[in-house]
Amino acid sequence: MTQLIAHYTVAGYAAFKAAFDADAEDRGNNGLSLLQLWRENDQSAWALFQVGDAAAARAYLDGAAGVFNSQAGVSATAFHFVETA
């Protein structure tokens, strides 16, 4: 089972969360299902996704996610694909 741990550095959590929620369908269409979202502080959020299609998820993160990032005030991201051991 593949999962994705994502860290987002954001300008403000409220704007990020609104854009994140609006992007759910696009993420889902690209193989990502949200399992959990955590707010570390007003400039930092973490998400855990189930990955249904790793190739589609990687393509989304390398391309279309850029639109989400600009709308959500994301200034930096880190993505880690991990597998259950």
PDB file of N, CA and C in Angstrom:
ATOM      1  N   MET A   1       0.851  -1.168   0.000  1.00  0.00           N
ATOM      2  CA  MET A   1       0.000   0.000   0.000  1.00  0.00           C
ATOM      3  C   MET A   1       0.902   1.238   0.000  1.00  0.00           C
ATOM      4  N   THR A   2       0.681   2.110  -0.974  1.00  0.00           N
ATOM      5  CA  THR A   2       1.471   3.334  -1.087  1.00  0.00           C
ATOM      6  C   THR A   2       0.670   4.506  -0.529  1.00  0.00           C
ATOM      7  N   GLN A   3       1.365   5.307   0.241  1.00  0.00           N
ATOM      8  CA  GLN A   3       0.780   6.533   0.767  1.00  0.00           C
ATOM      9  C   GLN A   3       1.721   7.689   0.466  1.00  0.00           C
ATOM     10  N   LEU A   4       1.191   8.884   0.565  1.00  0.00           N
ATOM     11  CA  LEU A   4       1.961  10.097   0.327  1.00  0.00           C
ATOM     12  C   LEU A   4       1.852  10.986   1.550  1.00  0.00           C
ATOM     13  N   ILE A   5       2.989  11.383   2.076  1.00  0.00           N
ATOM     14  CA  ILE A   5       3.035  12.365   3.159  1.00  0.00           C
ATOM     15  C   ILE A   5       3.460  13.684   2.514  1.00  0.00           C
ATOM     16  N   ALA A   6       2.663  14.715   2.696  1.00  0.00           N
ATOM     17  CA  ALA A   6       2.929  16.002   2.065  1.00  0.00           C
ATOM     18  C   ALA A   6       3.046  17.092   3.123  1.00  0.00           C
ATOM     19  N   HIS A   7       4.016  17.965   2.933  1.00  0.00           N
ATOM     20  CA  HIS A   7       4.159  19.142   3.793  1.00  0.00           C
ATOM     21  C   HIS A   7       4.009  20.379   2.917  1.00  0.00           C
ATOM     22  N   TYR A   8       3.188  21.306   3.391  1.00  0.00           N
ATOM     23  CA  TYR A   8       2.942  22.559   2.680  1.00  0.00           C
ATOM     24  C   TYR A   8       3.357  23.734   3.558  1.00  0.00           C
ATOM     25  N   THR A   9       4.167  24.625   3.025  1.00  0.00           N
ATOM     26  CA  THR A   9       4.450  25.906   3.656  1.00  0.00           C
ATOM     27  C   THR A   9       3.539  26.915   2.974  1.00  0.00           C
ATOM     28  N   VAL A  10       2.720  27.607   3.781  1.00  0.00           N
ATOM     29  CA  VAL A  10       1.660  28.441   3.210  1.00  0.00           C
ATOM     30  C   VAL A  10       1.702  29.860   3.773  1.00  0.00           C
ATOM     31  N   ALA A  11       1.096  30.781   3.040  1.00  0.00           N
ATOM     32  CA  ALA A  11       1.024  32.172   3.495  1.00  0.00           C
ATOM     33  C   ALA A  11       0.046  32.326   4.653  1.00  0.00           C
ATOM     34  N   GLY A  12      -1.019  31.539   4.643  1.00  0.00           N
ATOM     35  CA  GLY A  12      -2.025  31.587   5.708  1.00  0.00           C
ATOM     36  C   GLY A  12      -2.888  30.345   5.626  1.00  0.00           C
ATOM     37  N   TYR A  13      -3.170  29.740   6.758  1.00  0.00           N
ATOM     38  CA  TYR A  13      -3.880  28.470   6.760  1.00  0.00           C
ATOM     39  C   TYR A  13      -5.307  28.587   6.233  1.00  0.00           C
ATOM     40  N   ALA A  14      -6.013  29.640   6.561  1.00  0.00           N
ATOM     41  CA  ALA A  14      -7.419  29.759   6.146  1.00  0.00           C
ATOM     42  C   ALA A  14      -7.554  29.723   4.621  1.00  0.00           C
ATOM     43  N   ALA A  15      -6.734  30.492   3.920  1.00  0.00           N
ATOM     44  CA  ALA A  15      -6.777  30.504   2.452  1.00  0.00           C
ATOM     45  C   ALA A  15      -6.334  29.152   1.899  1.00  0.00           C
ATOM     46  N   PHE A  16      -5.308  28.572   2.499  1.00  0.00           N
ATOM     47  CA  PHE A  16      -4.849  27.253   2.073  1.00  0.00           C
ATOM     48  C   PHE A  16      -5.962  26.224   2.207  1.00  0.00           C
ATOM     49  N   LYS A  17      -6.633  26.199   3.343  1.00  0.00           N
ATOM     50  CA  LYS A  17      -7.668  25.190   3.604  1.00  0.00           C
ATOM     51  C   LYS A  17      -8.832  25.326   2.625  1.00  0.00           C
ATOM     52  N   ALA A  18      -9.236  26.548   2.332  1.00  0.00           N
ATOM     53  CA  ALA A  18     -10.320  26.754   1.370  1.00  0.00           C
ATOM     54  C   ALA A  18      -9.935  26.223  -0.011  1.00  0.00           C
ATOM     55  N   ALA A  19      -8.720  26.534  -0.462  1.00  0.00           N
ATOM     56  CA  ALA A  19      -8.254  26.052  -1.763  1.00  0.00           C
ATOM     57  C   ALA A  19      -8.039  24.540  -1.742  1.00  0.00           C
ATOM     58  N   PHE A  20      -7.537  24.020  -0.635  1.00  0.00           N
ATOM     59  CA  PHE A  20      -7.316  22.579  -0.480  1.00  0.00           C
ATOM     60  C   PHE A  20      -8.634  21.826  -0.609  1.00  0.00           C
ATOM     61  N   ASP A  21      -9.663  22.307   0.062  1.00  0.00           N
ATOM     62  CA  ASP A  21     -10.977  21.664  -0.009  1.00  0.00           C
ATOM     63  C   ASP A  21     -11.541  21.722  -1.434  1.00  0.00           C
ATOM     64  N   ALA A  22     -11.348  22.852  -2.106  1.00  0.00           N
ATOM     65  CA  ALA A  22     -11.854  23.017  -3.469  1.00  0.00           C
ATOM     66  C   ALA A  22     -11.112  22.120  -4.460  1.00  0.00           C
ATOM     67  N   ASP A  23      -9.902  21.700  -4.123  1.00  0.00           N
ATOM     68  CA  ASP A  23      -9.069  20.889  -5.009  1.00  0.00           C
ATOM     69  C   ASP A  23      -9.284  19.386  -4.824  1.00  0.00           C
ATOM     70  N   ALA A  24     -10.157  18.986  -3.924  1.00  0.00           N
ATOM     71  CA  ALA A  24     -10.339  17.564  -3.587  1.00  0.00           C
ATOM     72  C   ALA A  24     -10.676  16.711  -4.811  1.00  0.00           C
ATOM     73  N   GLU A  25     -11.578  17.175  -5.647  1.00  0.00           N
ATOM     74  CA  GLU A  25     -11.975  16.377  -6.818  1.00  0.00           C
ATOM     75  C   GLU A  25     -10.803  16.185  -7.771  1.00  0.00           C
ATOM     76  N   ASP A  26     -10.031  17.238  -7.998  1.00  0.00           N
ATOM     77  CA  ASP A  26      -8.876  17.140  -8.894  1.00  0.00           C
ATOM     78  C   ASP A  26      -7.851  16.146  -8.347  1.00  0.00           C
ATOM     79  N   ARG A  27      -7.571  16.224  -7.045  1.00  0.00           N
ATOM     80  CA  ARG A  27      -6.648  15.252  -6.439  1.00  0.00           C
ATOM     81  C   ARG A  27      -7.182  13.834  -6.607  1.00  0.00           C
ATOM     82  N   GLY A  28      -8.461  13.650  -6.345  1.00  0.00           N
ATOM     83  CA  GLY A  28      -9.067  12.332  -6.466  1.00  0.00           C
ATOM     84  C   GLY A  28      -8.987  11.779  -7.879  1.00  0.00           C
ATOM     85  N   ASN A  29      -9.182  12.646  -8.856  1.00  0.00           N
ATOM     86  CA  ASN A  29      -9.079  12.227 -10.253  1.00  0.00           C
ATOM     87  C   ASN A  29      -7.653  11.863 -10.645  1.00  0.00           C
ATOM     88  N   ASN A  30      -6.700  12.212  -9.793  1.00  0.00           N
ATOM     89  CA  ASN A  30      -5.291  11.934 -10.060  1.00  0.00           C
ATOM     90  C   ASN A  30      -4.692  10.949  -9.058  1.00  0.00           C
ATOM     91  N   GLY A  31      -5.533  10.099  -8.508  1.00  0.00           N
ATOM     92  CA  GLY A  31      -5.050   8.984  -7.702  1.00  0.00           C
ATOM     93  C   GLY A  31      -4.767   9.262  -6.250  1.00  0.00           C
ATOM     94  N   LEU A  32      -5.193  10.412  -5.714  1.00  0.00           N
ATOM     95  CA  LEU A  32      -4.917  10.754  -4.322  1.00  0.00           C
ATOM     96  C   LEU A  32      -6.211  10.875  -3.515  1.00  0.00           C
ATOM     97  N   SER A  33      -6.292  10.146  -2.416  1.00  0.00           N
ATOM     98  CA  SER A  33      -7.436  10.221  -1.501  1.00  0.00           C
ATOM     99  C   SER A  33      -6.926  10.680  -0.139  1.00  0.00           C
ATOM    100  N   LEU A  34      -7.462  11.775   0.358  1.00  0.00           N
ATOM    101  CA  LEU A  34      -7.023  12.316   1.640  1.00  0.00           C
ATOM    102  C   LEU A  34      -7.421  11.397   2.791  1.00  0.00           C
ATOM    103  N   LEU A  35      -6.446  11.062   3.625  1.00  0.00           N
ATOM    104  CA  LEU A  35      -6.699  10.300   4.843  1.00  0.00           C
ATOM    105  C   LEU A  35      -6.727  11.214   6.061  1.00  0.00           C
ATOM    106  N   GLN A  36      -5.824  12.205   6.082  1.00  0.00           N
ATOM    107  CA  GLN A  36      -5.744  13.099   7.245  1.00  0.00           C
ATOM    108  C   GLN A  36      -5.059  14.391   6.837  1.00  0.00           C
ATOM    109  N   LEU A  37      -5.516  15.506   7.405  1.00  0.00           N
ATOM    110  CA  LEU A  37      -4.882  16.808   7.219  1.00  0.00           C
ATOM    111  C   LEU A  37      -4.596  17.373   8.598  1.00  0.00           C
ATOM    112  N   TRP A  38      -3.367  17.847   8.803  1.00  0.00           N
ATOM    113  CA  TRP A  38      -2.978  18.443  10.083  1.00  0.00           C
ATOM    114  C   TRP A  38      -2.514  19.876   9.865  1.00  0.00           C
ATOM    115  N   ARG A  39      -2.850  20.726  10.791  1.00  0.00           N
ATOM    116  CA  ARG A  39      -2.378  22.114  10.804  1.00  0.00           C
ATOM    117  C   ARG A  39      -1.301  22.187  11.873  1.00  0.00           C
ATOM    118  N   GLU A  40      -0.074  22.503  11.461  1.00  0.00           N
ATOM    119  CA  GLU A  40       1.020  22.648  12.420  1.00  0.00           C
ATOM    120  C   GLU A  40       0.983  24.040  13.046  1.00  0.00           C
ATOM    121  N   ASN A  41       0.795  25.048  12.209  1.00  0.00           N
ATOM    122  CA  ASN A  41       0.633  26.438  12.635  1.00  0.00           C
ATOM    123  C   ASN A  41       0.020  27.185  11.457  1.00  0.00           C
ATOM    124  N   ASP A  42      -0.041  28.502  11.493  1.00  0.00           N
ATOM    125  CA  ASP A  42      -0.711  29.242  10.424  1.00  0.00           C
ATOM    126  C   ASP A  42       0.050  29.203   9.097  1.00  0.00           C
ATOM    127  N   GLN A  43       1.298  28.777   9.118  1.00  0.00           N
ATOM    128  CA  GLN A  43       2.095  28.724   7.890  1.00  0.00           C
ATOM    129  C   GLN A  43       2.517  27.304   7.504  1.00  0.00           C
ATOM    130  N   SER A  44       2.004  26.304   8.174  1.00  0.00           N
ATOM    131  CA  SER A  44       2.466  24.946   7.907  1.00  0.00           C
ATOM    132  C   SER A  44       1.339  23.934   8.060  1.00  0.00           C
ATOM    133  N   ALA A  45       1.213  23.063   7.040  1.00  0.00           N
ATOM    134  CA  ALA A  45       0.203  22.005   7.088  1.00  0.00           C
ATOM    135  C   ALA A  45       0.812  20.716   6.547  1.00  0.00           C
ATOM    136  N   TRP A  46       0.322  19.608   7.059  1.00  0.00           N
ATOM    137  CA  TRP A  46       0.740  18.271   6.645  1.00  0.00           C
ATOM    138  C   TRP A  46      -0.491  17.509   6.184  1.00  0.00           C
ATOM    139  N   ALA A  47      -0.318  16.646   5.182  1.00  0.00           N
ATOM    140  CA  ALA A  47      -1.425  15.815   4.709  1.00  0.00           C
ATOM    141  C   ALA A  47      -0.924  14.396   4.472  1.00  0.00           C
ATOM    142  N   LEU A  48      -1.807  13.442   4.709  1.00  0.00           N
ATOM    143  CA  LEU A  48      -1.535  12.042   4.417  1.00  0.00           C
ATOM    144  C   LEU A  48      -2.569  11.577   3.404  1.00  0.00           C
ATOM    145  N   PHE A  49      -2.097  11.034   2.293  1.00  0.00           N
ATOM    146  CA  PHE A  49      -2.970  10.574   1.217  1.00  0.00           C
ATOM    147  C   PHE A  49      -2.755   9.087   0.970  1.00  0.00           C
ATOM    148  N   GLN A  50      -3.837   8.411   0.622  1.00  0.00           N
ATOM    149  CA  GLN A  50      -3.750   7.072   0.042  1.00  0.00           C
ATOM    150  C   GLN A  50      -3.497   7.273  -1.446  1.00  0.00           C
ATOM    151  N   VAL A  51      -2.559   6.530  -2.014  1.00  0.00           N
ATOM    152  CA  VAL A  51      -2.218   6.665  -3.428  1.00  0.00           C
ATOM    153  C   VAL A  51      -2.809   5.489  -4.194  1.00  0.00           C
ATOM    154  N   GLY A  52      -3.763   5.781  -5.049  1.00  0.00           N
ATOM    155  CA  GLY A  52      -4.390   4.750  -5.858  1.00  0.00           C
ATOM    156  C   GLY A  52      -3.687   4.533  -7.191  1.00  0.00           C
ATOM    157  N   ASP A  53      -3.043   5.570  -7.696  1.00  0.00           N
ATOM    158  CA  ASP A  53      -2.333   5.520  -8.976  1.00  0.00           C
ATOM    159  C   ASP A  53      -1.096   6.396  -8.838  1.00  0.00           C
ATOM    160  N   ALA A  54       0.045   5.769  -8.573  1.00  0.00           N
ATOM    161  CA  ALA A  54       1.273   6.525  -8.295  1.00  0.00           C
ATOM    162  C   ALA A  54       1.713   7.368  -9.485  1.00  0.00           C
ATOM    163  N   ALA A  55       1.590   6.824 -10.692  1.00  0.00           N
ATOM    164  CA  ALA A  55       2.013   7.582 -11.879  1.00  0.00           C
ATOM    165  C   ALA A  55       1.154   8.833 -12.058  1.00  0.00           C
ATOM    166  N   ALA A  56      -0.154   8.693 -11.896  1.00  0.00           N
ATOM    167  CA  ALA A  56      -1.048   9.848 -12.029  1.00  0.00           C
ATOM    168  C   ALA A  56      -0.787  10.859 -10.911  1.00  0.00           C
ATOM    169  N   ALA A  57      -0.552  10.377  -9.700  1.00  0.00           N
ATOM    170  CA  ALA A  57      -0.284  11.272  -8.571  1.00  0.00           C
ATOM    171  C   ALA A  57       1.003  12.065  -8.805  1.00  0.00           C
ATOM    172  N   ARG A  58       2.045  11.390  -9.260  1.00  0.00           N
ATOM    173  CA  ARG A  58       3.316  12.088  -9.531  1.00  0.00           C
ATOM    174  C   ARG A  58       3.150  13.122 -10.645  1.00  0.00           C
ATOM    175  N   ALA A  59       2.422  12.754 -11.687  1.00  0.00           N
ATOM    176  CA  ALA A  59       2.189  13.694 -12.787  1.00  0.00           C
ATOM    177  C   ALA A  59       1.411  14.908 -12.295  1.00  0.00           C
ATOM    178  N   TYR A  60       0.410  14.680 -11.462  1.00  0.00           N
ATOM    179  CA  TYR A  60      -0.365  15.786 -10.889  1.00  0.00           C
ATOM    180  C   TYR A  60       0.537  16.699 -10.056  1.00  0.00           C
ATOM    181  N   LEU A  61       1.354  16.118  -9.194  1.00  0.00           N
ATOM    182  CA  LEU A  61       2.226  16.917  -8.325  1.00  0.00           C
ATOM    183  C   LEU A  61       3.263  17.689  -9.128  1.00  0.00           C
ATOM    184  N   ASP A  62       3.695  17.122 -10.248  1.00  0.00           N
ATOM    185  CA  ASP A  62       4.696  17.790 -11.091  1.00  0.00           C
ATOM    186  C   ASP A  62       4.097  18.855 -12.003  1.00  0.00           C
ATOM    187  N   GLY A  63       2.768  18.862 -12.167  1.00  0.00           N
ATOM    188  CA  GLY A  63       2.166  19.797 -13.109  1.00  0.00           C
ATOM    189  C   GLY A  63       0.975  20.550 -12.559  1.00  0.00           C
ATOM    190  N   ALA A  64      -0.189  19.914 -12.597  1.00  0.00           N
ATOM    191  CA  ALA A  64      -1.449  20.582 -12.249  1.00  0.00           C
ATOM    192  C   ALA A  64      -1.480  21.112 -10.825  1.00  0.00           C
ATOM    193  N   ALA A  65      -0.736  20.514  -9.922  1.00  0.00           N
ATOM    194  CA  ALA A  65      -0.725  20.997  -8.542  1.00  0.00           C
ATOM    195  C   ALA A  65      -0.172  22.414  -8.454  1.00  0.00           C
ATOM    196  N   GLY A  66       0.565  22.854  -9.455  1.00  0.00           N
ATOM    197  CA  GLY A  66       1.082  24.217  -9.465  1.00  0.00           C
ATOM    198  C   GLY A  66      -0.034  25.255  -9.438  1.00  0.00           C
ATOM    199  N   VAL A  67      -1.146  24.960 -10.100  1.00  0.00           N
ATOM    200  CA  VAL A  67      -2.297  25.863 -10.075  1.00  0.00           C
ATOM    201  C   VAL A  67      -2.852  25.935  -8.652  1.00  0.00           C
ATOM    202  N   PHE A  68      -3.016  24.764  -8.032  1.00  0.00           N
ATOM    203  CA  PHE A  68      -3.476  24.741  -6.642  1.00  0.00           C
ATOM    204  C   PHE A  68      -2.529  25.543  -5.757  1.00  0.00           C
ATOM    205  N   ASN A  69      -1.232  25.318  -5.899  1.00  0.00           N
ATOM    206  CA  ASN A  69      -0.251  26.010  -5.054  1.00  0.00           C
ATOM    207  C   ASN A  69      -0.382  27.522  -5.166  1.00  0.00           C
ATOM    208  N   SER A  70      -0.581  28.032  -6.373  1.00  0.00           N
ATOM    209  CA  SER A  70      -0.704  29.485  -6.529  1.00  0.00           C
ATOM    210  C   SER A  70      -1.999  29.997  -5.914  1.00  0.00           C
ATOM    211  N   GLN A  71      -3.074  29.249  -6.028  1.00  0.00           N
ATOM    212  CA  GLN A  71      -4.355  29.667  -5.451  1.00  0.00           C
ATOM    213  C   GLN A  71      -4.344  29.561  -3.926  1.00  0.00           C
ATOM    214  N   ALA A  72      -3.582  28.615  -3.395  1.00  0.00           N
ATOM    215  CA  ALA A  72      -3.597  28.336  -1.959  1.00  0.00           C
ATOM    216  C   ALA A  72      -2.523  29.094  -1.183  1.00  0.00           C
ATOM    217  N   GLY A  73      -1.694  29.852  -1.872  1.00  0.00           N
ATOM    218  CA  GLY A  73      -0.625  30.579  -1.183  1.00  0.00           C
ATOM    219  C   GLY A  73       0.498  29.677  -0.710  1.00  0.00           C
ATOM    220  N   VAL A  74       0.731  28.589  -1.435  1.00  0.00           N
ATOM    221  CA  VAL A  74       1.786  27.639  -1.070  1.00  0.00           C
ATOM    222  C   VAL A  74       3.116  28.160  -1.605  1.00  0.00           C
ATOM    223  N   SER A  75       4.095  28.291  -0.717  1.00  0.00           N
ATOM    224  CA  SER A  75       5.417  28.764  -1.135  1.00  0.00           C
ATOM    225  C   SER A  75       6.437  27.639  -1.223  1.00  0.00           C
ATOM    226  N   ALA A  76       6.184  26.505  -0.576  1.00  0.00           N
ATOM    227  CA  ALA A  76       7.099  25.365  -0.642  1.00  0.00           C
ATOM    228  C   ALA A  76       6.329  24.088  -0.325  1.00  0.00           C
ATOM    229  N   THR A  77       6.780  22.998  -0.936  1.00  0.00           N
ATOM    230  CA  THR A  77       6.173  21.692  -0.680  1.00  0.00           C
ATOM    231  C   THR A  77       7.256  20.644  -0.541  1.00  0.00           C
ATOM    232  N   ALA A  78       6.917  19.570   0.144  1.00  0.00           N
ATOM    233  CA  ALA A  78       7.766  18.384   0.214  1.00  0.00           C
ATOM    234  C   ALA A  78       6.831  17.188   0.160  1.00  0.00           C
ATOM    235  N   PHE A  79       7.105  16.267  -0.756  1.00  0.00           N
ATOM    236  CA  PHE A  79       6.262  15.090  -0.931  1.00  0.00           C
ATOM    237  C   PHE A  79       7.090  13.835  -0.742  1.00  0.00           C
ATOM    238  N   HIS A  80       6.566  12.897   0.013  1.00  0.00           N
ATOM    239  CA  HIS A  80       7.255  11.642   0.291  1.00  0.00           C
ATOM    240  C   HIS A  80       6.304  10.482   0.032  1.00  0.00           C
ATOM    241  N   PHE A  81       6.608   9.690  -0.988  1.00  0.00           N
ATOM    242  CA  PHE A  81       5.831   8.476  -1.238  1.00  0.00           C
ATOM    243  C   PHE A  81       6.418   7.377  -0.366  1.00  0.00           C
ATOM    244  N   VAL A  82       5.577   6.752   0.430  1.00  0.00           N
ATOM    245  CA  VAL A  82       6.028   5.701   1.342  1.00  0.00           C
ATOM    246  C   VAL A  82       5.132   4.472   1.199  1.00  0.00           C
ATOM    247  N   GLU A  83       5.679   3.328   1.555  1.00  0.00           N
ATOM    248  CA  GLU A  83       4.932   2.083   1.498  1.00  0.00           C
ATOM    249  C   GLU A  83       4.894   1.456   2.871  1.00  0.00           C
ATOM    250  N   THR A  84       3.798   0.774   3.169  1.00  0.00           N
ATOM    251  CA  THR A  84       3.656   0.074   4.442  1.00  0.00           C
ATOM    252  C   THR A  84       4.729  -1.019   4.500  1.00  0.00           C
ATOM    253  N   ALA A  85       5.438  -1.054   5.604  1.00  0.00           N
ATOM    254  CA  ALA A  85       6.515  -2.061   5.771  1.00  0.00           C
ATOM    255  C   ALA A  85       6.005  -3.271   6.516  1.00  0.00           C
TER     256      ALA A  85
END
